[in-house]
């Protein structure tokens, strides 16, 4: 969970980050409120509004979360609930849509009419920019590209998804950790195997070892990159964007994951996207969702002032 207070120039003046997991819905709401309050205490000026990005589908007309794959949030009026708890106007959206707003307005996709922003972390989120506008779909669920089926007999997806073999079972932080464990067993003399012997492998450690040149860690990342490329082929053939911007925590691997993905795209996608679609890192990295949520909050405050 990441919270921050941003100024008018999108500078992050206060930042709070907490690892969370296994919480009930009331516990999760309490932690969200406490994290926002902690960030507020880090600055002298009072924020004018709160934006929140959640990995979930939304009913935007009612400000409600419909369903989240990774969090215990179903049919929740999250904007009203948090506004009451925080005493500030609250606007909520899908976290990857928030990232797309940030990258399109102020980041890597400025001026691009058709772009997809992927966030690679616990799962895969995607924000869609089409004809210069952020699109959310008929039911607020557009961009669930992490649930593209890529492996018919693959792993069951998360508790909120009825599918199996979804893209995010092969491309995500947990997917990298599973692949790294497999490679570590096959390469017992590697630095990756030595790290695995000391406890569960975390994605950040795998990426660190790969940057240090460990062949086993590089192999694990290349495999995840290959599957990312499979998803990019589907994106290219379905949406034909000019650009795919890749952010989120897993994007810290950079070209170690992007180059294998680009290779699959060039080999398998229909032209012209196979050669012309750009695959680039997000300007704001893992902060894109935070910045996009703050932009939504700024929009909300401006609308309130105009009334």
Protein backbone atom coordinates (compact mmCIF):
# COMPACT_ATOMS: atom_id res chain seq x y z
CA UNK A 1 0.00 0.00 0.00
CA UNK A 2 1.44 3.33 -1.10
CA UNK A 3 0.16 6.74 -0.06
CA UNK A 4 1.54 10.19 -0.69
CA UNK A 5 0.77 13.89 -0.62
CA UNK A 6 1.52 15.63 -3.91
CA UNK A 7 1.90 19.31 -4.70
CA UNK A 8 0.61 21.17 -7.75
CA UNK A 9 3.70 20.16 -9.76
CA UNK A 10 3.19 16.45 -8.92
CA UNK A 11 6.11 16.48 -6.51
CA UNK A 12 5.69 13.86 -3.78
CA UNK A 13 6.06 15.75 -0.51
CA UNK A 14 5.16 12.88 1.81
CA UNK A 15 5.29 9.17 1.14
CA UNK A 16 4.18 6.14 3.19
CA UNK A 17 4.50 2.53 2.07
CA UNK A 18 3.31 -0.57 3.93
CA UNK A 19 3.33 -4.28 3.09
CA UNK A 20 -0.15 -5.67 3.67
CA UNK A 21 -1.81 -9.01 3.10
CA UNK A 22 -4.37 -11.43 4.46
CA UNK A 23 -6.67 -8.71 5.80
CA UNK A 24 -10.44 -8.81 6.11
CA UNK A 25 -12.42 -6.02 4.48
CA UNK A 26 -12.86 -3.98 7.69
CA UNK A 27 -9.16 -4.40 8.50
CA UNK A 28 -8.17 -3.33 4.99
CA UNK A 29 -10.32 -0.20 5.18
CA UNK A 30 -8.80 0.65 8.57
CA UNK A 31 -5.28 0.30 7.14
CA UNK A 32 -6.15 2.47 4.13
CA UNK A 33 -7.44 5.21 6.43
CA UNK A 34 -4.44 4.95 8.75
CA UNK A 35 -1.99 5.07 5.83
CA UNK A 36 -3.62 8.17 4.34
CA UNK A 37 -3.63 9.87 7.73
CA UNK A 38 0.06 9.03 8.18
CA UNK A 39 0.85 10.63 4.83
CA UNK A 40 -1.21 13.71 5.76
CA UNK A 41 0.82 14.16 8.92
CA UNK A 42 3.97 14.40 6.80
CA UNK A 43 3.07 17.84 5.41
CA UNK A 44 1.96 21.15 6.90
CA UNK A 45 -0.70 21.93 4.29
CA UNK A 46 -4.06 20.16 4.38
CA UNK A 47 -4.83 18.12 1.24
CA UNK A 48 -7.91 19.23 -0.71
CA UNK A 49 -9.06 15.78 -1.87
CA UNK A 50 -8.04 12.13 -1.92
CA UNK A 51 -7.66 9.89 -4.95
CA UNK A 52 -7.32 6.14 -4.56
CA UNK A 53 -6.36 3.47 -7.06
CA UNK A 54 -7.62 -0.04 -6.34
CA UNK A 55 -7.01 -3.25 -8.30
CA UNK A 56 -10.71 -3.74 -8.96
CA UNK A 57 -13.55 -3.19 -11.38
CA UNK A 58 -15.74 -0.14 -10.70
CA UNK A 59 -19.25 1.16 -11.09
CA UNK A 60 -18.20 4.76 -11.70
CA UNK A 61 -21.73 6.14 -11.68
CA UNK A 62 -22.04 5.11 -8.02
CA UNK A 63 -18.40 5.28 -6.92
CA UNK A 64 -18.48 1.58 -5.99
CA UNK A 65 -15.98 -1.23 -6.23
CA UNK A 66 -17.66 -4.12 -8.04
CA UNK A 67 -15.02 -6.82 -7.47
CA UNK A 68 -11.31 -7.17 -6.77
CA UNK A 69 -9.29 -10.25 -7.66
CA UNK A 70 -6.65 -9.69 -4.99
CA UNK A 71 -8.46 -7.84 -2.19
CA UNK A 72 -11.57 -8.60 -0.10
CA UNK A 73 -13.55 -5.83 -1.78
CA UNK A 74 -16.89 -6.67 -3.40
CA UNK A 75 -19.81 -4.29 -3.94
CA UNK A 76 -18.37 -1.54 -1.74
CA UNK A 77 -19.25 2.18 -1.89
CA UNK A 78 -15.60 3.01 -1.36
CA UNK A 79 -15.76 6.71 -2.20
CA UNK A 80 -18.54 7.49 0.31
CA UNK A 81 -17.04 5.23 2.99
CA UNK A 82 -13.56 6.77 2.81
CA UNK A 83 -14.89 10.32 2.49
CA UNK A 84 -16.78 9.84 5.75
CA UNK A 85 -13.73 8.38 7.49
CA UNK A 86 -11.23 10.93 6.16
CA UNK A 87 -13.36 14.09 6.10
CA UNK A 88 -12.24 14.88 2.54
CA UNK A 89 -13.72 14.39 -0.93
CA UNK A 90 -12.63 11.00 -2.31
CA UNK A 91 -12.48 9.75 -5.88
CA UNK A 92 -11.58 6.15 -6.69
CA UNK A 93 -10.63 4.29 -9.85
CA UNK A 94 -8.84 1.18 -11.00
CA UNK A 95 -5.16 1.42 -10.08
CA UNK A 96 -3.93 0.75 -13.62
CA UNK A 97 -6.31 3.35 -14.99
CA UNK A 98 -4.73 5.78 -12.53
CA UNK A 99 -1.32 4.84 -13.90
CA UNK A 100 -2.56 5.42 -17.45
CA UNK A 101 -3.84 8.87 -16.49
CA UNK A 102 -0.44 9.77 -15.04
CA UNK A 103 1.59 8.49 -17.99
CA UNK A 104 -0.78 10.03 -20.57
CA UNK A 105 -1.02 13.46 -18.96
CA UNK A 106 2.53 13.89 -17.71
CA UNK A 107 4.65 10.80 -18.43
CA UNK A 108 5.84 8.50 -21.18
CA UNK A 109 2.63 8.65 -23.23
CA UNK A 110 2.12 12.41 -23.44
CA UNK A 111 0.73 13.24 -26.88
CA UNK A 112 0.07 9.60 -27.76
CA UNK A 113 -3.48 9.00 -28.98
CA UNK A 114 -3.59 5.21 -28.49
CA UNK A 115 -1.63 3.60 -25.67
CA UNK A 116 -1.85 0.81 -23.14
CA UNK A 117 -0.26 1.22 -19.72
CA UNK A 118 0.57 -2.09 -18.03
CA UNK A 119 1.31 -2.32 -14.33
CA UNK A 120 3.19 -5.47 -13.36
CA UNK A 121 3.08 -6.28 -9.68
CA UNK A 122 1.05 -8.72 -7.60
CA UNK A 123 -0.99 -9.13 -10.78
CA UNK A 124 -1.30 -7.29 -14.09
CA UNK A 125 -3.35 -4.15 -14.46
CA UNK A 126 -3.90 -2.21 -17.66
CA UNK A 127 -5.13 1.28 -18.42
CA UNK A 128 -6.36 2.06 -21.93
CA UNK A 129 -5.99 5.31 -23.83
CA UNK A 130 -7.93 5.30 -27.11
CA UNK A 131 -8.31 8.27 -29.42
CA UNK A 132 -6.70 10.44 -26.77
CA UNK A 133 -9.13 9.51 -23.97
CA UNK A 134 -8.87 7.09 -21.05
CA UNK A 135 -11.42 4.32 -21.66
CA UNK A 136 -13.09 2.23 -18.97
CA UNK A 137 -15.52 0.13 -20.99
CA UNK A 138 -19.27 -0.41 -20.80
CA UNK A 139 -19.14 -1.81 -17.25
CA UNK A 140 -15.99 -0.15 -15.91
CA UNK A 141 -14.02 -3.35 -16.46
CA UNK A 142 -11.99 -2.56 -19.59
CA UNK A 143 -8.28 -3.27 -19.28
CA UNK A 144 -8.38 -6.54 -17.34
CA UNK A 145 -5.57 -7.76 -19.59
CA UNK A 146 -4.02 -9.76 -16.77
CA UNK A 147 -6.90 -12.16 -17.27
CA UNK A 148 -6.27 -12.85 -20.93
CA UNK A 149 -6.18 -16.66 -21.18
CA UNK A 150 -2.75 -17.66 -22.48
CA UNK A 151 -2.36 -21.23 -21.16
CA UNK A 152 -5.50 -23.40 -21.38
CA UNK A 153 -4.24 -25.96 -18.85
CA UNK A 154 -2.42 -23.43 -16.71
CA UNK A 155 -2.71 -22.46 -13.06
CA UNK A 156 -5.95 -21.36 -11.49
CA UNK A 157 -6.06 -17.59 -11.21
CA UNK A 158 -6.73 -15.59 -8.04
CA UNK A 159 -9.75 -16.05 -5.76
CA UNK A 160 -11.65 -13.27 -7.51
CA UNK A 161 -11.16 -14.71 -11.01
CA UNK A 162 -12.86 -17.89 -12.25
CA UNK A 163 -10.28 -18.39 -14.99
CA UNK A 164 -7.16 -20.48 -15.30
CA UNK A 165 -4.02 -19.93 -17.31
CA UNK A 166 -4.50 -16.15 -17.14
CA UNK A 167 -1.60 -13.96 -18.24
CA UNK A 168 -0.86 -12.82 -14.70
CA UNK A 169 -0.26 -16.41 -13.58
CA UNK A 170 2.84 -16.16 -15.79
CA UNK A 171 3.67 -12.46 -15.59
CA UNK A 172 3.61 -10.94 -12.08
CA UNK A 173 5.70 -10.78 -8.95
CA UNK A 174 4.38 -14.14 -7.68
CA UNK A 175 4.86 -15.67 -11.15
CA UNK A 176 8.50 -14.56 -11.18
CA UNK A 177 9.01 -16.03 -7.73
CA UNK A 178 7.54 -19.39 -8.81
CA UNK A 179 9.71 -19.45 -11.91
CA UNK A 180 12.80 -18.51 -9.90
CA UNK A 181 12.16 -21.36 -7.46
CA UNK A 182 11.91 -23.78 -10.38
CA UNK A 183 15.14 -22.54 -11.98
CA UNK A 184 16.96 -22.55 -8.63
CA UNK A 185 16.24 -26.27 -8.26
CA UNK A 186 17.50 -26.93 -11.79
CA UNK A 187 20.67 -24.84 -11.23
CA UNK A 188 21.80 -25.73 -7.68
CA UNK A 189 25.19 -24.01 -8.04
CA UNK A 190 23.74 -20.65 -9.00
CA UNK A 191 23.53 -17.57 -6.81
CA UNK A 192 19.78 -17.82 -7.22
CA UNK A 193 19.82 -21.29 -5.64
CA UNK A 194 21.97 -20.01 -2.77
CA UNK A 195 19.47 -17.21 -2.17
CA UNK A 196 16.57 -19.69 -2.27
CA UNK A 197 18.30 -21.82 0.38
CA UNK A 198 18.11 -18.86 2.78
CA UNK A 199 14.34 -18.41 2.52
CA UNK A 200 11.55 -17.72 0.03
CA UNK A 201 12.71 -15.87 -3.07
CA UNK A 202 11.21 -12.41 -3.46
CA UNK A 203 10.88 -10.83 -6.88
CA UNK A 204 13.09 -7.87 -5.99
CA UNK A 205 15.93 -10.23 -5.00
CA UNK A 206 15.59 -12.16 -8.27
CA UNK A 207 15.81 -8.91 -10.24
CA UNK A 208 18.85 -7.83 -8.18
CA UNK A 209 20.66 -11.11 -8.90
CA UNK A 210 19.82 -10.82 -12.60
CA UNK A 211 21.28 -7.31 -12.75
CA UNK A 212 24.40 -8.78 -11.12
CA UNK A 213 24.65 -11.27 -13.99
CA UNK A 214 23.44 -14.51 -12.37
CA UNK A 215 22.47 -16.76 -15.28
CA UNK A 216 19.73 -18.55 -13.36
CA UNK A 217 18.03 -15.28 -12.38
CA UNK A 218 18.38 -14.06 -15.96
CA UNK A 219 16.71 -17.25 -17.17
CA UNK A 220 13.77 -16.77 -14.81
CA UNK A 221 13.27 -13.19 -15.99
CA UNK A 222 13.59 -14.19 -19.63
CA UNK A 223 10.83 -16.78 -19.17
CA UNK A 224 8.53 -14.21 -17.61
CA UNK A 225 9.47 -11.82 -20.42
CA UNK A 226 8.53 -14.45 -23.00
CA UNK A 227 5.06 -14.75 -21.48
CA UNK A 228 4.77 -10.96 -21.34
CA UNK A 229 5.48 -10.98 -25.07
CA UNK A 230 2.60 -13.42 -25.56
CA UNK A 231 0.33 -10.89 -23.87
CA UNK A 232 1.74 -8.08 -26.00
CA UNK A 233 0.86 -10.03 -29.16
CA UNK A 234 -2.76 -10.21 -27.99
CA UNK A 235 -2.74 -6.49 -27.16
CA UNK A 236 -1.25 -5.63 -30.55
CA UNK A 237 -3.70 -7.72 -32.52
CA UNK A 238 -6.74 -6.61 -30.52
CA UNK A 239 -6.11 -2.92 -29.84
CA UNK A 240 -3.29 -1.82 -32.20
CA UNK A 241 -1.89 0.85 -29.85
CA UNK A 242 1.02 3.04 -30.83
CA UNK A 243 2.72 2.32 -27.51
CA UNK A 244 2.65 0.01 -24.51
CA UNK A 245 4.05 1.60 -21.36
CA UNK A 246 5.22 -0.91 -18.75
CA UNK A 247 5.30 0.07 -15.09
CA UNK A 248 4.77 -1.45 -11.66
CA UNK A 249 7.27 -3.10 -9.35
CA UNK A 250 8.27 -5.85 -11.78
CA UNK A 251 9.22 -3.23 -14.37
CA UNK A 252 12.37 -2.62 -12.31
CA UNK A 253 13.84 -5.48 -14.33
CA UNK A 254 13.88 -3.16 -17.35
CA UNK A 255 15.18 -4.65 -20.58
CA UNK A 256 15.89 -7.98 -18.84
CA UNK A 257 12.15 -8.60 -19.13
CA UNK A 258 11.24 -6.19 -21.94
CA UNK A 259 13.70 -7.44 -24.56
CA UNK A 260 12.42 -11.06 -24.47
CA UNK A 261 8.90 -9.62 -24.68
CA UNK A 262 9.79 -7.46 -27.68
CA UNK A 263 11.30 -10.48 -29.42
CA UNK A 264 8.05 -12.45 -29.10
CA UNK A 265 6.07 -9.43 -30.28
CA UNK A 266 8.22 -9.02 -33.39
CA UNK A 267 7.97 -12.72 -34.18
CA UNK A 268 4.26 -13.34 -33.60
CA UNK A 269 2.19 -10.15 -33.89
CA UNK A 270 0.42 -9.12 -37.05
CA UNK A 271 2.00 -6.28 -38.98
CA UNK A 272 2.28 -3.33 -38.74
CA UNK A 273 2.13 -3.56 -34.93
CA UNK A 274 4.85 -6.23 -34.89
CA UNK A 275 7.43 -3.65 -35.95
CA UNK A 276 5.88 -0.30 -35.10
CA UNK A 277 4.35 -0.73 -31.63
CA UNK A 278 6.72 0.73 -29.01
CA UNK A 279 7.32 -1.04 -25.70
CA UNK A 280 8.80 1.43 -23.22
CA UNK A 281 9.22 1.77 -19.44
CA UNK A 282 6.86 4.02 -17.51
CA UNK A 283 8.28 7.46 -16.70
CA UNK A 284 6.89 7.33 -13.19
CA UNK A 285 7.70 3.67 -12.53
CA UNK A 286 5.88 2.22 -9.54
CA UNK A 287 4.65 5.73 -8.61
CA UNK A 288 2.43 6.05 -11.70
CA UNK A 289 -0.71 4.88 -9.91
CA UNK A 290 -0.09 7.24 -6.99
CA UNK A 291 0.42 10.18 -9.33
CA UNK A 292 -2.63 9.33 -11.42
CA UNK A 293 -4.80 9.05 -8.31
CA UNK A 294 -3.58 12.48 -7.22
CA UNK A 295 -4.53 13.90 -10.62
CA UNK A 296 -8.04 12.50 -10.18
CA UNK A 297 -8.16 14.11 -6.73
CA UNK A 298 -7.06 17.43 -8.21
CA UNK A 299 -9.79 17.16 -10.86
CA UNK A 300 -12.35 16.46 -8.14
CA UNK A 301 -11.22 19.49 -6.10
CA UNK A 302 -11.44 21.70 -9.20
CA UNK A 303 -15.00 20.52 -9.91
CA UNK A 304 -15.99 21.20 -6.32
CA UNK A 305 -14.58 24.74 -6.51
CA UNK A 306 -16.44 25.40 -9.77
CA UNK A 307 -19.85 24.60 -8.24
